Amino acid sequence: MRIEAILSQGCASRESLEANIREALSREGVEAKVNFRVVGEKEARAMGLPGSPSVFVDGEDLEGLRLMEGTVS
């Protein structure tokens, strides 16, 4: 599994996001390559990011994924 978190410069969510991702991986017993990337506003717009942070799992934006029944949101 590959997780990419893209954050805008000055986004205050990095520490809590990183902790949440690591905890979720640990709880589920899943190994993943996790990458955090900080981008400027211009680059974020060019990438079409919906907000900060934006998290992608194996290239899929978490915002666009439908929650499966029984999962925690």
PDB file of N, CA and C in Angstrom:
ATOM      1  N   MET A   1       0.845  -1.169   0.000  1.00  0.00           N
ATOM      2  CA  MET A   1       0.000   0.000   0.000  1.00  0.00           C
ATOM      3  C   MET A   1       0.893   1.236   0.000  1.00  0.00           C
ATOM      4  N   ARG A   2       0.437   2.247  -0.701  1.00  0.00           N
ATOM      5  CA  ARG A   2       1.172   3.507  -0.783  1.00  0.00           C
ATOM      6  C   ARG A   2       0.226   4.640  -0.361  1.00  0.00           C
ATOM      7  N   ILE A   3       0.653   5.433   0.599  1.00  0.00           N
ATOM      8  CA  ILE A   3      -0.140   6.572   1.072  1.00  0.00           C
ATOM      9  C   ILE A   3       0.645   7.843   0.813  1.00  0.00           C
ATOM     10  N   GLU A   4      -0.008   8.809   0.173  1.00  0.00           N
ATOM     11  CA  GLU A   4       0.626  10.108  -0.045  1.00  0.00           C
ATOM     12  C   GLU A   4      -0.278  11.185   0.544  1.00  0.00           C
ATOM     13  N   ALA A   5       0.285  11.968   1.446  1.00  0.00           N
ATOM     14  CA  ALA A   5      -0.428  13.083   2.060  1.00  0.00           C
ATOM     15  C   ALA A   5       0.184  14.365   1.525  1.00  0.00           C
ATOM     16  N   ILE A   6      -0.642  15.178   0.895  1.00  0.00           N
ATOM     17  CA  ILE A   6      -0.163  16.438   0.330  1.00  0.00           C
ATOM     18  C   ILE A   6      -0.781  17.566   1.146  1.00  0.00           C
ATOM     19  N   LEU A   7       0.088  18.413   1.680  1.00  0.00           N
ATOM     20  CA  LEU A   7      -0.342  19.503   2.540  1.00  0.00           C
ATOM     21  C   LEU A   7       0.107  20.836   1.958  1.00  0.00           C
ATOM     22  N   SER A   8      -0.703  21.862   2.179  1.00  0.00           N
ATOM     23  CA  SER A   8      -0.296  23.197   1.754  1.00  0.00           C
ATOM     24  C   SER A   8       0.674  23.768   2.778  1.00  0.00           C
ATOM     25  N   GLN A   9       1.485  24.704   2.326  1.00  0.00           N
ATOM     26  CA  GLN A   9       2.420  25.344   3.241  1.00  0.00           C
ATOM     27  C   GLN A   9       1.629  25.992   4.373  1.00  0.00           C
ATOM     28  N   GLY A  10       2.086  25.794   5.585  1.00  0.00           N
ATOM     29  CA  GLY A  10       1.422  26.382   6.740  1.00  0.00           C
ATOM     30  C   GLY A  10       0.261  25.569   7.278  1.00  0.00           C
ATOM     31  N   CYS A  11      -0.054  24.423   6.660  1.00  0.00           N
ATOM     32  CA  CYS A  11      -1.142  23.576   7.161  1.00  0.00           C
ATOM     33  C   CYS A  11      -0.740  23.036   8.534  1.00  0.00           C
ATOM     34  N   ALA A  12      -1.597  23.245   9.516  1.00  0.00           N
ATOM     35  CA  ALA A  12      -1.289  22.845  10.889  1.00  0.00           C
ATOM     36  C   ALA A  12      -1.646  21.393  11.181  1.00  0.00           C
ATOM     37  N   SER A  13      -2.101  20.663  10.177  1.00  0.00           N
ATOM     38  CA  SER A  13      -2.601  19.306  10.399  1.00  0.00           C
ATOM     39  C   SER A  13      -1.554  18.210  10.297  1.00  0.00           C
ATOM     40  N   ARG A  14      -0.338  18.520   9.930  1.00  0.00           N
ATOM     41  CA  ARG A  14       0.629  17.466   9.636  1.00  0.00           C
ATOM     42  C   ARG A  14       0.858  16.510  10.807  1.00  0.00           C
ATOM     43  N   GLU A  15       1.124  17.045  11.982  1.00  0.00           N
ATOM     44  CA  GLU A  15       1.435  16.173  13.120  1.00  0.00           C
ATOM     45  C   GLU A  15       0.280  15.237  13.448  1.00  0.00           C
ATOM     46  N   SER A  16      -0.926  15.770  13.526  1.00  0.00           N
ATOM     47  CA  SER A  16      -2.071  14.924  13.865  1.00  0.00           C
ATOM     48  C   SER A  16      -2.391  13.957  12.732  1.00  0.00           C
ATOM     49  N   LEU A  17      -2.246  14.387  11.493  1.00  0.00           N
ATOM     50  CA  LEU A  17      -2.484  13.499  10.353  1.00  0.00           C
ATOM     51  C   LEU A  17      -1.492  12.340  10.352  1.00  0.00           C
ATOM     52  N   GLU A  18      -0.229  12.660  10.565  1.00  0.00           N
ATOM     53  CA  GLU A  18       0.794  11.615  10.595  1.00  0.00           C
ATOM     54  C   GLU A  18       0.507  10.609  11.718  1.00  0.00           C
ATOM     55  N   ALA A  19       0.151  11.112  12.894  1.00  0.00           N
ATOM     56  CA  ALA A  19      -0.160  10.228  14.021  1.00  0.00           C
ATOM     57  C   ALA A  19      -1.376   9.359  13.711  1.00  0.00           C
ATOM     58  N   ASN A  20      -2.408   9.936  13.104  1.00  0.00           N
ATOM     59  CA  ASN A  20      -3.618   9.177  12.770  1.00  0.00           C
ATOM     60  C   ASN A  20      -3.338   8.093  11.740  1.00  0.00           C
ATOM     61  N   ILE A  21      -2.534   8.408  10.731  1.00  0.00           N
ATOM     62  CA  ILE A  21      -2.201   7.418   9.706  1.00  0.00           C
ATOM     63  C   ILE A  21      -1.415   6.276  10.333  1.00  0.00           C
ATOM     64  N   ARG A  22      -0.401   6.593  11.109  1.00  0.00           N
ATOM     65  CA  ARG A  22       0.422   5.557  11.740  1.00  0.00           C
ATOM     66  C   ARG A  22      -0.421   4.678  12.682  1.00  0.00           C
ATOM     67  N   GLU A  23      -1.313   5.297  13.452  1.00  0.00           N
ATOM     68  CA  GLU A  23      -2.162   4.535  14.362  1.00  0.00           C
ATOM     69  C   GLU A  23      -3.102   3.610  13.578  1.00  0.00           C
ATOM     70  N   ALA A  24      -3.707   4.118  12.516  1.00  0.00           N
ATOM     71  CA  ALA A  24      -4.619   3.294  11.710  1.00  0.00           C
ATOM     72  C   ALA A  24      -3.882   2.107  11.097  1.00  0.00           C
ATOM     73  N   LEU A  25      -2.679   2.348  10.578  1.00  0.00           N
ATOM     74  CA  LEU A  25      -1.893   1.255   9.997  1.00  0.00           C
ATOM     75  C   LEU A  25      -1.545   0.218  11.053  1.00  0.00           C
ATOM     76  N   SER A  26      -1.175   0.683  12.229  1.00  0.00           N
ATOM     77  CA  SER A  26      -0.822  -0.213  13.319  1.00  0.00           C
ATOM     78  C   SER A  26      -2.019  -1.041  13.762  1.00  0.00           C
ATOM     79  N   ARG A  27      -3.152  -0.392  13.956  1.00  0.00           N
ATOM     80  CA  ARG A  27      -4.368  -1.093  14.395  1.00  0.00           C
ATOM     81  C   ARG A  27      -4.808  -2.154  13.395  1.00  0.00           C
ATOM     82  N   GLU A  28      -4.654  -1.831  12.113  1.00  0.00           N
ATOM     83  CA  GLU A  28      -5.088  -2.765  11.073  1.00  0.00           C
ATOM     84  C   GLU A  28      -4.013  -3.778  10.706  1.00  0.00           C
ATOM     85  N   GLY A  29      -2.802  -3.577  11.226  1.00  0.00           N
ATOM     86  CA  GLY A  29      -1.706  -4.481  10.909  1.00  0.00           C
ATOM     87  C   GLY A  29      -1.285  -4.404   9.448  1.00  0.00           C
ATOM     88  N   VAL A  30      -1.351  -3.209   8.899  1.00  0.00           N
ATOM     89  CA  VAL A  30      -1.045  -2.988   7.489  1.00  0.00           C
ATOM     90  C   VAL A  30       0.275  -2.234   7.367  1.00  0.00           C
ATOM     91  N   GLU A  31       1.089  -2.662   6.425  1.00  0.00           N
ATOM     92  CA  GLU A  31       2.322  -1.939   6.129  1.00  0.00           C
ATOM     93  C   GLU A  31       2.078  -1.065   4.907  1.00  0.00           C
ATOM     94  N   ALA A  32       2.632   0.133   4.947  1.00  0.00           N
ATOM     95  CA  ALA A  32       2.456   1.054   3.835  1.00  0.00           C
ATOM     96  C   ALA A  32       3.653   1.973   3.740  1.00  0.00           C
ATOM     97  N   LYS A  33       3.930   2.389   2.528  1.00  0.00           N
ATOM     98  CA  LYS A  33       4.918   3.428   2.304  1.00  0.00           C
ATOM     99  C   LYS A  33       4.151   4.745   2.412  1.00  0.00           C
ATOM    100  N   VAL A  34       4.543   5.588   3.373  1.00  0.00           N
ATOM    101  CA  VAL A  34       3.840   6.841   3.622  1.00  0.00           C
ATOM    102  C   VAL A  34       4.748   8.008   3.254  1.00  0.00           C
ATOM    103  N   ASN A  35       4.221   8.924   2.453  1.00  0.00           N
ATOM    104  CA  ASN A  35       4.977  10.079   2.010  1.00  0.00           C
ATOM    105  C   ASN A  35       4.177  11.347   2.318  1.00  0.00           C
ATOM    106  N   PHE A  36       4.826  12.300   2.945  1.00  0.00           N
ATOM    107  CA  PHE A  36       4.218  13.601   3.208  1.00  0.00           C
ATOM    108  C   PHE A  36       4.897  14.628   2.309  1.00  0.00           C
ATOM    109  N   ARG A  37       4.090  15.428   1.645  1.00  0.00           N
ATOM    110  CA  ARG A  37       4.623  16.405   0.694  1.00  0.00           C
ATOM    111  C   ARG A  37       3.952  17.754   0.928  1.00  0.00           C
ATOM    112  N   VAL A  38       4.758  18.797   1.015  1.00  0.00           N
ATOM    113  CA  VAL A  38       4.237  20.148   1.205  1.00  0.00           C
ATOM    114  C   VAL A  38       4.344  20.889  -0.127  1.00  0.00           C
ATOM    115  N   VAL A  39       3.229  21.494  -0.543  1.00  0.00           N
ATOM    116  CA  VAL A  39       3.198  22.227  -1.802  1.00  0.00           C
ATOM    117  C   VAL A  39       2.686  23.638  -1.570  1.00  0.00           C
ATOM    118  N   GLY A  40       3.050  24.522  -2.460  1.00  0.00           N
ATOM    119  CA  GLY A  40       2.554  25.887  -2.416  1.00  0.00           C
ATOM    120  C   GLY A  40       1.150  25.963  -3.003  1.00  0.00           C
ATOM    121  N   GLU A  41       0.504  27.094  -2.803  1.00  0.00           N
ATOM    122  CA  GLU A  41      -0.873  27.275  -3.268  1.00  0.00           C
ATOM    123  C   GLU A  41      -0.989  27.108  -4.778  1.00  0.00           C
ATOM    124  N   LYS A  42      -0.043  27.646  -5.509  1.00  0.00           N
ATOM    125  CA  LYS A  42      -0.073  27.564  -6.975  1.00  0.00           C
ATOM    126  C   LYS A  42       0.023  26.104  -7.434  1.00  0.00           C
ATOM    127  N   GLU A  43       0.925  25.352  -6.832  1.00  0.00           N
ATOM    128  CA  GLU A  43       1.087  23.939  -7.194  1.00  0.00           C
ATOM    129  C   GLU A  43      -0.153  23.127  -6.809  1.00  0.00           C
ATOM    130  N   ALA A  44      -0.726  23.431  -5.647  1.00  0.00           N
ATOM    131  CA  ALA A  44      -1.930  22.726  -5.197  1.00  0.00           C
ATOM    132  C   ALA A  44      -3.076  22.952  -6.183  1.00  0.00           C
ATOM    133  N   ARG A  45      -3.244  24.192  -6.636  1.00  0.00           N
ATOM    134  CA  ARG A  45      -4.289  24.487  -7.626  1.00  0.00           C
ATOM    135  C   ARG A  45      -4.035  23.760  -8.934  1.00  0.00           C
ATOM    136  N   ALA A  46      -2.774  23.751  -9.367  1.00  0.00           N
ATOM    137  CA  ALA A  46      -2.418  23.073 -10.616  1.00  0.00           C
ATOM    138  C   ALA A  46      -2.681  21.571 -10.531  1.00  0.00           C
ATOM    139  N   MET A  47      -2.542  21.013  -9.332  1.00  0.00           N
ATOM    140  CA  MET A  47      -2.783  19.587  -9.123  1.00  0.00           C
ATOM    141  C   MET A  47      -4.274  19.285  -8.953  1.00  0.00           C
ATOM    142  N   GLY A  48      -5.092  20.331  -8.786  1.00  0.00           N
ATOM    143  CA  GLY A  48      -6.525  20.147  -8.603  1.00  0.00           C
ATOM    144  C   GLY A  48      -6.898  19.589  -7.237  1.00  0.00           C
ATOM    145  N   LEU A  49      -6.088  19.899  -6.231  1.00  0.00           N
ATOM    146  CA  LEU A  49      -6.355  19.373  -4.892  1.00  0.00           C
ATOM    147  C   LEU A  49      -7.573  20.062  -4.291  1.00  0.00           C
ATOM    148  N   PRO A  50      -8.454  19.277  -3.643  1.00  0.00           N
ATOM    149  CA  PRO A  50      -9.672  19.844  -3.065  1.00  0.00           C
ATOM    150  C   PRO A  50      -9.447  20.604  -1.766  1.00  0.00           C
ATOM    151  N   GLY A  51      -8.327  20.394  -1.104  1.00  0.00           N
ATOM    152  CA  GLY A  51      -8.046  21.057   0.167  1.00  0.00           C
ATOM    153  C   GLY A  51      -6.792  20.489   0.782  1.00  0.00           C
ATOM    154  N   SER A  52      -6.482  20.972   1.974  1.00  0.00           N
ATOM    155  CA  SER A  52      -5.286  20.512   2.658  1.00  0.00           C
ATOM    156  C   SER A  52      -5.668  20.041   4.050  1.00  0.00           C
ATOM    157  N   PRO A  53      -5.243  18.878   4.415  1.00  0.00           N
ATOM    158  CA  PRO A  53      -4.436  17.958   3.622  1.00  0.00           C
ATOM    159  C   PRO A  53      -5.297  17.150   2.654  1.00  0.00           C
ATOM    160  N   SER A  54      -4.680  16.671   1.605  1.00  0.00           N
ATOM    161  CA  SER A  54      -5.296  15.727   0.680  1.00  0.00           C
ATOM    162  C   SER A  54      -4.531  14.419   0.831  1.00  0.00           C
ATOM    163  N   VAL A  55      -5.263  13.327   1.000  1.00  0.00           N
ATOM    164  CA  VAL A  55      -4.633  12.032   1.247  1.00  0.00           C
ATOM    165  C   VAL A  55      -5.038  11.060   0.150  1.00  0.00           C
ATOM    166  N   PHE A  56      -4.034  10.406  -0.419  1.00  0.00           N
ATOM    167  CA  PHE A  56      -4.248   9.445  -1.494  1.00  0.00           C
ATOM    168  C   PHE A  56      -3.737   8.079  -1.044  1.00  0.00           C
ATOM    169  N   VAL A  57      -4.543   7.055  -1.265  1.00  0.00           N
ATOM    170  CA  VAL A  57      -4.152   5.683  -0.962  1.00  0.00           C
ATOM    171  C   VAL A  57      -4.097   4.940  -2.289  1.00  0.00           C
ATOM    172  N   ASP A  58      -2.904   4.473  -2.628  1.00  0.00           N
ATOM    173  CA  ASP A  58      -2.690   3.810  -3.916  1.00  0.00           C
ATOM    174  C   ASP A  58      -3.250   4.646  -5.065  1.00  0.00           C
ATOM    175  N   GLY A  59      -3.039   5.964  -4.966  1.00  0.00           N
ATOM    176  CA  GLY A  59      -3.438   6.882  -6.024  1.00  0.00           C
ATOM    177  C   GLY A  59      -4.877   7.352  -5.973  1.00  0.00           C
ATOM    178  N   GLU A  60      -5.679   6.806  -5.065  1.00  0.00           N
ATOM    179  CA  GLU A  60      -7.093   7.193  -4.941  1.00  0.00           C
ATOM    180  C   GLU A  60      -7.252   8.233  -3.838  1.00  0.00           C
ATOM    181  N   ASP A  61      -7.921   9.341  -4.164  1.00  0.00           N
ATOM    182  CA  ASP A  61      -8.165  10.400  -3.194  1.00  0.00           C
ATOM    183  C   ASP A  61      -9.175   9.909  -2.159  1.00  0.00           C
ATOM    184  N   LEU A  62      -8.824   9.971  -0.877  1.00  0.00           N
ATOM    185  CA  LEU A  62      -9.735   9.518   0.169  1.00  0.00           C
ATOM    186  C   LEU A  62     -11.059  10.274   0.150  1.00  0.00           C
ATOM    187  N   GLU A  63     -11.053  11.526  -0.253  1.00  0.00           N
ATOM    188  CA  GLU A  63     -12.284  12.301  -0.330  1.00  0.00           C
ATOM    189  C   GLU A  63     -13.263  11.651  -1.298  1.00  0.00           C
ATOM    190  N   GLY A  64     -12.748  11.025  -2.338  1.00  0.00           N
ATOM    191  CA  GLY A  64     -13.611  10.455  -3.363  1.00  0.00           C
ATOM    192  C   GLY A  64     -14.005   9.011  -3.124  1.00  0.00           C
ATOM    193  N   LEU A  65     -13.407   8.367  -2.134  1.00  0.00           N
ATOM    194  CA  LEU A  65     -13.727   6.968  -1.875  1.00  0.00           C
ATOM    195  C   LEU A  65     -15.022   6.864  -1.080  1.00  0.00           C
ATOM    196  N   ARG A  66     -15.856   5.902  -1.424  1.00  0.00           N
ATOM    197  CA  ARG A  66     -17.075   5.647  -0.669  1.00  0.00           C
ATOM    198  C   ARG A  66     -16.728   4.774   0.522  1.00  0.00           C
ATOM    199  N   LEU A  67     -17.277   5.117   1.658  1.00  0.00           N
ATOM    200  CA  LEU A  67     -17.045   4.318   2.866  1.00  0.00           C
ATOM    201  C   LEU A  67     -17.818   3.018   2.758  1.00  0.00           C
ATOM    202  N   MET A  68     -17.162   1.947   3.117  1.00  0.00           N
ATOM    203  CA  MET A  68     -17.817   0.657   3.137  1.00  0.00           C
ATOM    204  C   MET A  68     -18.607   0.531   4.428  1.00  0.00           C
ATOM    205  N   GLU A  69     -19.695  -0.173   4.372  1.00  0.00           N
ATOM    206  CA  GLU A  69     -20.527  -0.356   5.564  1.00  0.00           C
ATOM    207  C   GLU A  69     -19.688  -0.966   6.680  1.00  0.00           C
ATOM    208  N   GLY A  70     -19.810  -0.398   7.862  1.00  0.00           N
ATOM    209  CA  GLY A  70     -19.100  -0.910   9.007  1.00  0.00           C
ATOM    210  C   GLY A  70     -17.750  -0.249   9.234  1.00  0.00           C
ATOM    211  N   THR A  71     -17.342   0.675   8.374  1.00  0.00           N
ATOM    212  CA  THR A  71     -16.070   1.353   8.596  1.00  0.00           C
ATOM    213  C   THR A  71     -16.311   2.605   9.415  1.00  0.00           C
ATOM    214  N   VAL A  72     -15.269   3.080  10.033  1.00  0.00           N
ATOM    215  CA  VAL A  72     -15.344   4.291  10.841  1.00  0.00           C
ATOM    216  C   VAL A  72     -14.948   5.465   9.973  1.00  0.00           C
ATOM    217  N   SER A  73     -15.719   6.517  10.009  1.00  0.00           N
ATOM    218  CA  SER A  73     -15.383   7.707   9.223  1.00  0.00           C
ATOM    219  C   SER A  73     -14.676   8.731  10.078  1.00  0.00           C
TER     220      SER A  73
END
